Amino acid sequence: MKTGQKTLVLEVEFEYEKFFLVHFSLSKQARLKNQEEICQMLDEKESKNIIILGDFNSFQGHSEFQYSCMNKFELAIKKPTFPAVKPF
């Protein structure tokens, strides 16, 4: 990804799945651009299962994805996760 510091996307493709490992920026503005960049990488006609995982830094939860193509993905974890500096 081109937007933000310490952002990353790693794409791995198998026979039936395609995985995207992401690390989104801390800045909300940059995270929105990160979402756009991921959406551009996804092919609407893709027949493989798409799995996106990583650190989204979505401080407002799933609502941050409501205006991008990422809102159509199902969340595997429906409850908040914890920051590494304060895990519990």
PDB file of N, CA and C in Angstrom:
ATOM      1  N   MET A   1       0.847  -1.171   0.000  1.00  0.00           N
ATOM      2  CA  MET A   1       0.000   0.000   0.000  1.00  0.00           C
ATOM      3  C   MET A   1       0.890   1.230   0.000  1.00  0.00           C
ATOM      4  N   LYS A   2       0.374   2.272  -0.584  1.00  0.00           N
ATOM      5  CA  LYS A   2       1.162   3.487  -0.762  1.00  0.00           C
ATOM      6  C   LYS A   2       0.891   4.542   0.298  1.00  0.00           C
ATOM      7  N   THR A   3      -0.226   4.437   1.000  1.00  0.00           N
ATOM      8  CA  THR A   3      -0.638   5.499   1.915  1.00  0.00           C
ATOM      9  C   THR A   3      -0.339   5.143   3.357  1.00  0.00           C
ATOM     10  N   GLY A   4       0.263   6.081   4.098  1.00  0.00           N
ATOM     11  CA  GLY A   4       0.517   5.912   5.522  1.00  0.00           C
ATOM     12  C   GLY A   4       1.874   5.298   5.801  1.00  0.00           C
ATOM     13  N   GLN A   5       2.269   5.402   7.059  1.00  0.00           N
ATOM     14  CA  GLN A   5       3.534   4.811   7.499  1.00  0.00           C
ATOM     15  C   GLN A   5       3.283   3.395   7.992  1.00  0.00           C
ATOM     16  N   LYS A   6       4.246   2.531   7.776  1.00  0.00           N
ATOM     17  CA  LYS A   6       4.194   1.155   8.255  1.00  0.00           C
ATOM     18  C   LYS A   6       2.947   0.424   7.777  1.00  0.00           C
ATOM     19  N   THR A   7       2.515   0.677   6.562  1.00  0.00           N
ATOM     20  CA  THR A   7       1.393  -0.060   6.009  1.00  0.00           C
ATOM     21  C   THR A   7       1.935  -1.194   5.148  1.00  0.00           C
ATOM     22  N   LEU A   8       1.139  -2.245   5.007  1.00  0.00           N
ATOM     23  CA  LEU A   8       1.618  -3.425   4.330  1.00  0.00           C
ATOM     24  C   LEU A   8       0.445  -4.209   3.778  1.00  0.00           C
ATOM     25  N   VAL A   9       0.654  -4.874   2.655  1.00  0.00           N
ATOM     26  CA  VAL A   9      -0.286  -5.875   2.180  1.00  0.00           C
ATOM     27  C   VAL A   9       0.523  -6.999   1.552  1.00  0.00           C
ATOM     28  N   LEU A  10       0.201  -8.203   1.959  1.00  0.00           N
ATOM     29  CA  LEU A  10       0.846  -9.387   1.418  1.00  0.00           C
ATOM     30  C   LEU A  10      -0.261 -10.244   0.826  1.00  0.00           C
ATOM     31  N   GLU A  11      -0.143 -10.587  -0.437  1.00  0.00           N
ATOM     32  CA  GLU A  11      -1.165 -11.377  -1.114  1.00  0.00           C
ATOM     33  C   GLU A  11      -0.614 -12.780  -1.369  1.00  0.00           C
ATOM     34  N   VAL A  12      -1.387 -13.794  -0.943  1.00  0.00           N
ATOM     35  CA  VAL A  12      -1.007 -15.186  -1.141  1.00  0.00           C
ATOM     36  C   VAL A  12      -2.188 -15.901  -1.773  1.00  0.00           C
ATOM     37  N   GLU A  13      -1.920 -16.631  -2.835  1.00  0.00           N
ATOM     38  CA  GLU A  13      -3.002 -17.274  -3.579  1.00  0.00           C
ATOM     39  C   GLU A  13      -2.810 -18.790  -3.592  1.00  0.00           C
ATOM     40  N   PHE A  14      -3.901 -19.490  -3.316  1.00  0.00           N
ATOM     41  CA  PHE A  14      -3.932 -20.949  -3.375  1.00  0.00           C
ATOM     42  C   PHE A  14      -4.999 -21.353  -4.394  1.00  0.00           C
ATOM     43  N   GLU A  15      -5.229 -22.643  -4.519  1.00  0.00           N
ATOM     44  CA  GLU A  15      -6.170 -23.123  -5.530  1.00  0.00           C
ATOM     45  C   GLU A  15      -7.577 -22.561  -5.336  1.00  0.00           C
ATOM     46  N   TYR A  16      -8.076 -22.548  -4.095  1.00  0.00           N
ATOM     47  CA  TYR A  16      -9.456 -22.128  -3.840  1.00  0.00           C
ATOM     48  C   TYR A  16      -9.583 -20.856  -3.014  1.00  0.00           C
ATOM     49  N   GLU A  17      -8.487 -20.356  -2.470  1.00  0.00           N
ATOM     50  CA  GLU A  17      -8.528 -19.159  -1.629  1.00  0.00           C
ATOM     51  C   GLU A  17      -7.464 -18.159  -2.055  1.00  0.00           C
ATOM     52  N   LYS A  18      -7.762 -16.917  -1.704  1.00  0.00           N
ATOM     53  CA  LYS A  18      -6.776 -15.849  -1.853  1.00  0.00           C
ATOM     54  C   LYS A  18      -6.756 -15.099  -0.527  1.00  0.00           C
ATOM     55  N   PHE A  19      -5.570 -14.975   0.065  1.00  0.00           N
ATOM     56  CA  PHE A  19      -5.402 -14.311   1.357  1.00  0.00           C
ATOM     57  C   PHE A  19      -4.713 -12.967   1.165  1.00  0.00           C
ATOM     58  N   PHE A  20      -5.184 -11.982   1.919  1.00  0.00           N
ATOM     59  CA  PHE A  20      -4.532 -10.682   1.987  1.00  0.00           C
ATOM     60  C   PHE A  20      -4.194 -10.436   3.451  1.00  0.00           C
ATOM     61  N   LEU A  21      -2.925 -10.327   3.753  1.00  0.00           N
ATOM     62  CA  LEU A  21      -2.488  -9.975   5.100  1.00  0.00           C
ATOM     63  C   LEU A  21      -2.178  -8.485   5.075  1.00  0.00           C
ATOM     64  N   VAL A  22      -2.875  -7.717   5.919  1.00  0.00           N
ATOM     65  CA  VAL A  22      -2.753  -6.257   5.855  1.00  0.00           C
ATOM     66  C   VAL A  22      -2.333  -5.668   7.192  1.00  0.00           C
ATOM     67  N   HIS A  23      -1.735  -4.512   7.115  1.00  0.00           N
ATOM     68  CA  HIS A  23      -1.470  -3.679   8.291  1.00  0.00           C
ATOM     69  C   HIS A  23      -1.804  -2.258   7.886  1.00  0.00           C
ATOM     70  N   PHE A  24      -2.947  -1.764   8.375  1.00  0.00           N
ATOM     71  CA  PHE A  24      -3.414  -0.435   8.017  1.00  0.00           C
ATOM     72  C   PHE A  24      -2.757   0.623   8.889  1.00  0.00           C
ATOM     73  N   SER A  25      -2.773   1.835   8.392  1.00  0.00           N
ATOM     74  CA  SER A  25      -2.189   2.986   9.077  1.00  0.00           C
ATOM     75  C   SER A  25      -2.961   3.327  10.346  1.00  0.00           C
ATOM     76  N   LEU A  26      -2.318   4.079  11.230  1.00  0.00           N
ATOM     77  CA  LEU A  26      -2.996   4.561  12.442  1.00  0.00           C
ATOM     78  C   LEU A  26      -3.907   5.751  12.140  1.00  0.00           C
ATOM     79  N   SER A  27      -3.590   6.531  11.132  1.00  0.00           N
ATOM     80  CA  SER A  27      -4.377   7.703  10.766  1.00  0.00           C
ATOM     81  C   SER A  27      -5.684   7.270  10.083  1.00  0.00           C
ATOM     82  N   LYS A  28      -6.807   7.823  10.537  1.00  0.00           N
ATOM     83  CA  LYS A  28      -8.101   7.454   9.956  1.00  0.00           C
ATOM     84  C   LYS A  28      -8.144   7.781   8.462  1.00  0.00           C
ATOM     85  N   GLN A  29      -7.660   8.942   8.093  1.00  0.00           N
ATOM     86  CA  GLN A  29      -7.637   9.351   6.680  1.00  0.00           C
ATOM     87  C   GLN A  29      -6.835   8.346   5.849  1.00  0.00           C
ATOM     88  N   ALA A  30      -5.689   7.940   6.364  1.00  0.00           N
ATOM     89  CA  ALA A  30      -4.849   6.973   5.644  1.00  0.00           C
ATOM     90  C   ALA A  30      -5.511   5.599   5.606  1.00  0.00           C
ATOM     91  N   ARG A  31      -6.210   5.211   6.697  1.00  0.00           N
ATOM     92  CA  ARG A  31      -6.903   3.917   6.710  1.00  0.00           C
ATOM     93  C   ARG A  31      -7.977   3.861   5.636  1.00  0.00           C
ATOM     94  N   LEU A  32      -8.681   4.961   5.426  1.00  0.00           N
ATOM     95  CA  LEU A  32      -9.696   4.991   4.367  1.00  0.00           C
ATOM     96  C   LEU A  32      -9.049   4.778   3.001  1.00  0.00           C
ATOM     97  N   LYS A  33      -7.898   5.376   2.796  1.00  0.00           N
ATOM     98  CA  LYS A  33      -7.164   5.168   1.545  1.00  0.00           C
ATOM     99  C   LYS A  33      -6.644   3.737   1.459  1.00  0.00           C
ATOM    100  N   ASN A  34      -6.226   3.165   2.587  1.00  0.00           N
ATOM    101  CA  ASN A  34      -5.790   1.764   2.606  1.00  0.00           C
ATOM    102  C   ASN A  34      -6.923   0.852   2.155  1.00  0.00           C
ATOM    103  N   GLN A  35      -8.151   1.141   2.621  1.00  0.00           N
ATOM    104  CA  GLN A  35      -9.312   0.358   2.207  1.00  0.00           C
ATOM    105  C   GLN A  35      -9.521   0.460   0.696  1.00  0.00           C
ATOM    106  N   GLU A  36      -9.421   1.667   0.170  1.00  0.00           N
ATOM    107  CA  GLU A  36      -9.580   1.865  -1.270  1.00  0.00           C
ATOM    108  C   GLU A  36      -8.545   1.058  -2.048  1.00  0.00           C
ATOM    109  N   GLU A  37      -7.321   1.052  -1.542  1.00  0.00           N
ATOM    110  CA  GLU A  37      -6.257   0.315  -2.221  1.00  0.00           C
ATOM    111  C   GLU A  37      -6.545  -1.187  -2.225  1.00  0.00           C
ATOM    112  N   ILE A  38      -7.045  -1.725  -1.107  1.00  0.00           N
ATOM    113  CA  ILE A  38      -7.405  -3.138  -1.054  1.00  0.00           C
ATOM    114  C   ILE A  38      -8.548  -3.416  -2.031  1.00  0.00           C
ATOM    115  N   CYS A  39      -9.539  -2.541  -2.061  1.00  0.00           N
ATOM    116  CA  CYS A  39     -10.679  -2.720  -2.958  1.00  0.00           C
ATOM    117  C   CYS A  39     -10.227  -2.754  -4.421  1.00  0.00           C
ATOM    118  N   GLN A  40      -9.250  -1.953  -4.762  1.00  0.00           N
ATOM    119  CA  GLN A  40      -8.725  -1.957  -6.125  1.00  0.00           C
ATOM    120  C   GLN A  40      -8.022  -3.267  -6.450  1.00  0.00           C
ATOM    121  N   MET A  41      -7.485  -3.929  -5.439  1.00  0.00           N
ATOM    122  CA  MET A  41      -6.787  -5.195  -5.656  1.00  0.00           C
ATOM    123  C   MET A  41      -7.750  -6.371  -5.833  1.00  0.00           C
ATOM    124  N   LEU A  42      -8.970  -6.217  -5.346  1.00  0.00           N
ATOM    125  CA  LEU A  42      -9.952  -7.298  -5.416  1.00  0.00           C
ATOM    126  C   LEU A  42     -10.657  -7.273  -6.761  1.00  0.00           C
ATOM    127  N   ASP A  43     -10.752  -8.407  -7.355  1.00  0.00           N
ATOM    128  CA  ASP A  43     -11.441  -8.546  -8.630  1.00  0.00           C
ATOM    129  C   ASP A  43     -12.889  -8.934  -8.342  1.00  0.00           C
ATOM    130  N   GLU A  44     -13.839  -8.143  -8.814  1.00  0.00           N
ATOM    131  CA  GLU A  44     -15.261  -8.425  -8.569  1.00  0.00           C
ATOM    132  C   GLU A  44     -15.673  -9.800  -9.106  1.00  0.00           C
ATOM    133  N   LYS A  45     -14.996 -10.288 -10.110  1.00  0.00           N
ATOM    134  CA  LYS A  45     -15.344 -11.571 -10.700  1.00  0.00           C
ATOM    135  C   LYS A  45     -14.545 -12.720 -10.105  1.00  0.00           C
ATOM    136  N   GLU A  46     -13.839 -12.455  -9.044  1.00  0.00           N
ATOM    137  CA  GLU A  46     -13.000 -13.469  -8.406  1.00  0.00           C
ATOM    138  C   GLU A  46     -13.850 -14.646  -7.949  1.00  0.00           C
ATOM    139  N   SER A  47     -13.483 -15.842  -8.339  1.00  0.00           N
ATOM    140  CA  SER A  47     -14.249 -17.028  -7.961  1.00  0.00           C
ATOM    141  C   SER A  47     -13.676 -17.697  -6.708  1.00  0.00           C
ATOM    142  N   LYS A  48     -12.505 -17.256  -6.279  1.00  0.00           N
ATOM    143  CA  LYS A  48     -11.894 -17.843  -5.084  1.00  0.00           C
ATOM    144  C   LYS A  48     -12.450 -17.179  -3.827  1.00  0.00           C
ATOM    145  N   ASN A  49     -12.353 -17.900  -2.724  1.00  0.00           N
ATOM    146  CA  ASN A  49     -12.701 -17.314  -1.434  1.00  0.00           C
ATOM    147  C   ASN A  49     -11.645 -16.278  -1.085  1.00  0.00           C
ATOM    148  N   ILE A  50     -12.085 -15.097  -0.664  1.00  0.00           N
ATOM    149  CA  ILE A  50     -11.188 -14.017  -0.282  1.00  0.00           C
ATOM    150  C   ILE A  50     -11.164 -13.930   1.244  1.00  0.00           C
ATOM    151  N   ILE A  51      -9.965 -13.946   1.813  1.00  0.00           N
ATOM    152  CA  ILE A  51      -9.803 -13.812   3.260  1.00  0.00           C
ATOM    153  C   ILE A  51      -8.828 -12.667   3.503  1.00  0.00           C
ATOM    154  N   ILE A  52      -9.310 -11.665   4.230  1.00  0.00           N
ATOM    155  CA  ILE A  52      -8.481 -10.507   4.568  1.00  0.00           C
ATOM    156  C   ILE A  52      -8.260 -10.537   6.074  1.00  0.00           C
ATOM    157  N   LEU A  53      -7.003 -10.553   6.477  1.00  0.00           N
ATOM    158  CA  LEU A  53      -6.705 -10.590   7.898  1.00  0.00           C
ATOM    159  C   LEU A  53      -5.535  -9.675   8.199  1.00  0.00           C
ATOM    160  N   GLY A  54      -5.436  -9.287   9.448  1.00  0.00           N
ATOM    161  CA  GLY A  54      -4.334  -8.430   9.837  1.00  0.00           C
ATOM    162  C   GLY A  54      -4.739  -7.402  10.867  1.00  0.00           C
ATOM    163  N   ASP A  55      -3.966  -6.331  10.895  1.00  0.00           N
ATOM    164  CA  ASP A  55      -4.185  -5.238  11.846  1.00  0.00           C
ATOM    165  C   ASP A  55      -4.821  -4.078  11.079  1.00  0.00           C
ATOM    166  N   PHE A  56      -6.123  -3.901  11.273  1.00  0.00           N
ATOM    167  CA  PHE A  56      -6.863  -2.857  10.566  1.00  0.00           C
ATOM    168  C   PHE A  56      -6.812  -1.522  11.306  1.00  0.00           C
ATOM    169  N   ASN A  57      -6.372  -1.538  12.557  1.00  0.00           N
ATOM    170  CA  ASN A  57      -6.352  -0.321  13.370  1.00  0.00           C
ATOM    171  C   ASN A  57      -7.685   0.423  13.305  1.00  0.00           C
ATOM    172  N   SER A  58      -8.777  -0.331  13.274  1.00  0.00           N
ATOM    173  CA  SER A  58     -10.110   0.274  13.173  1.00  0.00           C
ATOM    174  C   SER A  58     -10.632   0.577  14.574  1.00  0.00           C
ATOM    175  N   PHE A  59     -10.306   1.754  15.037  1.00  0.00           N
ATOM    176  CA  PHE A  59     -10.640   2.148  16.404  1.00  0.00           C
ATOM    177  C   PHE A  59     -12.144   2.303  16.612  1.00  0.00           C
ATOM    178  N   GLN A  60     -12.904   2.459  15.524  1.00  0.00           N
ATOM    179  CA  GLN A  60     -14.361   2.585  15.631  1.00  0.00           C
ATOM    180  C   GLN A  60     -15.067   1.313  15.176  1.00  0.00           C
ATOM    181  N   GLY A  61     -14.330   0.214  15.102  1.00  0.00           N
ATOM    182  CA  GLY A  61     -14.927  -1.066  14.754  1.00  0.00           C
ATOM    183  C   GLY A  61     -15.315  -1.164  13.287  1.00  0.00           C
ATOM    184  N   HIS A  62     -16.262  -2.039  13.021  1.00  0.00           N
ATOM    185  CA  HIS A  62     -16.679  -2.337  11.649  1.00  0.00           C
ATOM    186  C   HIS A  62     -17.267  -1.131  10.930  1.00  0.00           C
ATOM    187  N   SER A  63     -17.749  -0.145  11.672  1.00  0.00           N
ATOM    188  CA  SER A  63     -18.357   1.039  11.051  1.00  0.00           C
ATOM    189  C   SER A  63     -17.374   1.788  10.156  1.00  0.00           C
ATOM    190  N   GLU A  64     -16.078   1.618  10.385  1.00  0.00           N
ATOM    191  CA  GLU A  64     -15.089   2.284   9.534  1.00  0.00           C
ATOM    192  C   GLU A  64     -15.096   1.736   8.108  1.00  0.00           C
ATOM    193  N   PHE A  65     -15.661   0.551   7.921  1.00  0.00           N
ATOM    194  CA  PHE A  65     -15.663  -0.071   6.604  1.00  0.00           C
ATOM    195  C   PHE A  65     -16.957   0.158   5.823  1.00  0.00           C
ATOM    196  N   GLN A  66     -17.885   0.912   6.371  1.00  0.00           N
ATOM    197  CA  GLN A  66     -19.212   1.021   5.763  1.00  0.00           C
ATOM    198  C   GLN A  66     -19.229   1.694   4.400  1.00  0.00           C
ATOM    199  N   TYR A  67     -18.226   2.467   4.066  1.00  0.00           N
ATOM    200  CA  TYR A  67     -18.241   3.183   2.792  1.00  0.00           C
ATOM    201  C   TYR A  67     -17.266   2.611   1.766  1.00  0.00           C
ATOM    202  N   SER A  68     -16.763   1.414   2.018  1.00  0.00           N
ATOM    203  CA  SER A  68     -15.841   0.809   1.060  1.00  0.00           C
ATOM    204  C   SER A  68     -16.337  -0.583   0.694  1.00  0.00           C
ATOM    205  N   CYS A  69     -15.660  -1.205  -0.242  1.00  0.00           N
ATOM    206  CA  CYS A  69     -16.036  -2.566  -0.631  1.00  0.00           C
ATOM    207  C   CYS A  69     -15.840  -3.542   0.512  1.00  0.00           C
ATOM    208  N   MET A  70     -15.086  -3.164   1.525  1.00  0.00           N
ATOM    209  CA  MET A  70     -14.806  -4.078   2.630  1.00  0.00           C
ATOM    210  C   MET A  70     -16.027  -4.322   3.512  1.00  0.00           C
ATOM    211  N   ASN A  71     -17.085  -3.538   3.366  1.00  0.00           N
ATOM    212  CA  ASN A  71     -18.274  -3.727   4.200  1.00  0.00           C
ATOM    213  C   ASN A  71     -19.025  -5.001   3.853  1.00  0.00           C
ATOM    214  N   LYS A  72     -18.723  -5.618   2.713  1.00  0.00           N
ATOM    215  CA  LYS A  72     -19.432  -6.836   2.323  1.00  0.00           C
ATOM    216  C   LYS A  72     -18.811  -8.097   2.920  1.00  0.00           C
ATOM    217  N   PHE A  73     -17.672  -7.963   3.599  1.00  0.00           N
ATOM    218  CA  PHE A  73     -17.022  -9.120   4.187  1.00  0.00           C
ATOM    219  C   PHE A  73     -17.571  -9.398   5.572  1.00  0.00           C
ATOM    220  N   GLU A  74     -17.649 -10.669   5.913  1.00  0.00           N
ATOM    221  CA  GLU A  74     -18.130 -11.081   7.223  1.00  0.00           C
ATOM    222  C   GLU A  74     -16.975 -11.036   8.218  1.00  0.00           C
ATOM    223  N   LEU A  75     -17.250 -10.503   9.383  1.00  0.00           N
ATOM    224  CA  LEU A  75     -16.231 -10.460  10.437  1.00  0.00           C
ATOM    225  C   LEU A  75     -16.135 -11.820  11.116  1.00  0.00           C
ATOM    226  N   ALA A  76     -14.928 -12.317  11.262  1.00  0.00           N
ATOM    227  CA  ALA A  76     -14.720 -13.582  11.967  1.00  0.00           C
ATOM    228  C   ALA A  76     -14.811 -13.374  13.477  1.00  0.00           C
ATOM    229  N   ILE A  77     -14.359 -12.219  13.936  1.00  0.00           N
ATOM    230  CA  ILE A  77     -14.405 -11.886  15.363  1.00  0.00           C
ATOM    231  C   ILE A  77     -15.360 -10.709  15.514  1.00  0.00           C
ATOM    232  N   LYS A  78     -16.421 -10.913  16.247  1.00  0.00           N
ATOM    233  CA  LYS A  78     -17.450  -9.886  16.359  1.00  0.00           C
ATOM    234  C   LYS A  78     -17.295  -9.007  17.601  1.00  0.00           C
ATOM    235  N   LYS A  79     -16.310  -9.286  18.424  1.00  0.00           N
ATOM    236  CA  LYS A  79     -16.109  -8.477  19.619  1.00  0.00           C
ATOM    237  C   LYS A  79     -14.789  -7.722  19.497  1.00  0.00           C
ATOM    238  N   PRO A  80     -14.625  -6.643  20.240  1.00  0.00           N
ATOM    239  CA  PRO A  80     -13.388  -5.856  20.157  1.00  0.00           C
ATOM    240  C   PRO A  80     -12.161  -6.679  20.534  1.00  0.00           C
ATOM    241  N   THR A  81     -11.061  -6.372  19.890  1.00  0.00           N
ATOM    242  CA  THR A  81      -9.787  -6.977  20.267  1.00  0.00           C
ATOM    243  C   THR A  81      -9.041  -5.986  21.149  1.00  0.00           C
ATOM    244  N   PHE A  82      -7.899  -6.368  21.656  1.00  0.00           N
ATOM    245  CA  PHE A  82      -7.185  -5.536  22.602  1.00  0.00           C
ATOM    246  C   PHE A  82      -5.853  -5.072  22.040  1.00  0.00           C
ATOM    247  N   PRO A  83      -5.449  -3.858  22.344  1.00  0.00           N
ATOM    248  CA  PRO A  83      -4.132  -3.390  21.894  1.00  0.00           C
ATOM    249  C   PRO A  83      -3.011  -4.226  22.522  1.00  0.00           C
ATOM    250  N   ALA A  84      -1.923  -4.392  21.788  1.00  0.00           N
ATOM    251  CA  ALA A  84      -0.795  -5.184  22.281  1.00  0.00           C
ATOM    252  C   ALA A  84      -0.196  -4.583  23.545  1.00  0.00           C
ATOM    253  N   VAL A  85      -0.256  -3.261  23.699  1.00  0.00           N
ATOM    254  CA  VAL A  85       0.333  -2.626  24.886  1.00  0.00           C
ATOM    255  C   VAL A  85      -0.520  -2.835  26.134  1.00  0.00           C
ATOM    256  N   LYS A  86      -1.795  -3.185  25.962  1.00  0.00           N
ATOM    257  CA  LYS A  86      -2.687  -3.429  27.097  1.00  0.00           C
ATOM    258  C   LYS A  86      -3.633  -4.584  26.726  1.00  0.00           C
ATOM    259  N   PRO A  87      -3.133  -5.830  26.702  1.00  0.00           N
ATOM    260  CA  PRO A  87      -3.923  -6.941  26.178  1.00  0.00           C
ATOM    261  C   PRO A  87      -5.142  -7.323  26.998  1.00  0.00           C
ATOM    262  N   PHE A  88      -5.176  -7.013  28.292  1.00  0.00           N
ATOM    263  CA  PHE A  88      -6.337  -7.396  29.098  1.00  0.00           C
ATOM    264  C   PHE A  88      -6.751  -6.294  30.016  1.00  0.00           C
TER     265      PHE A  88
END
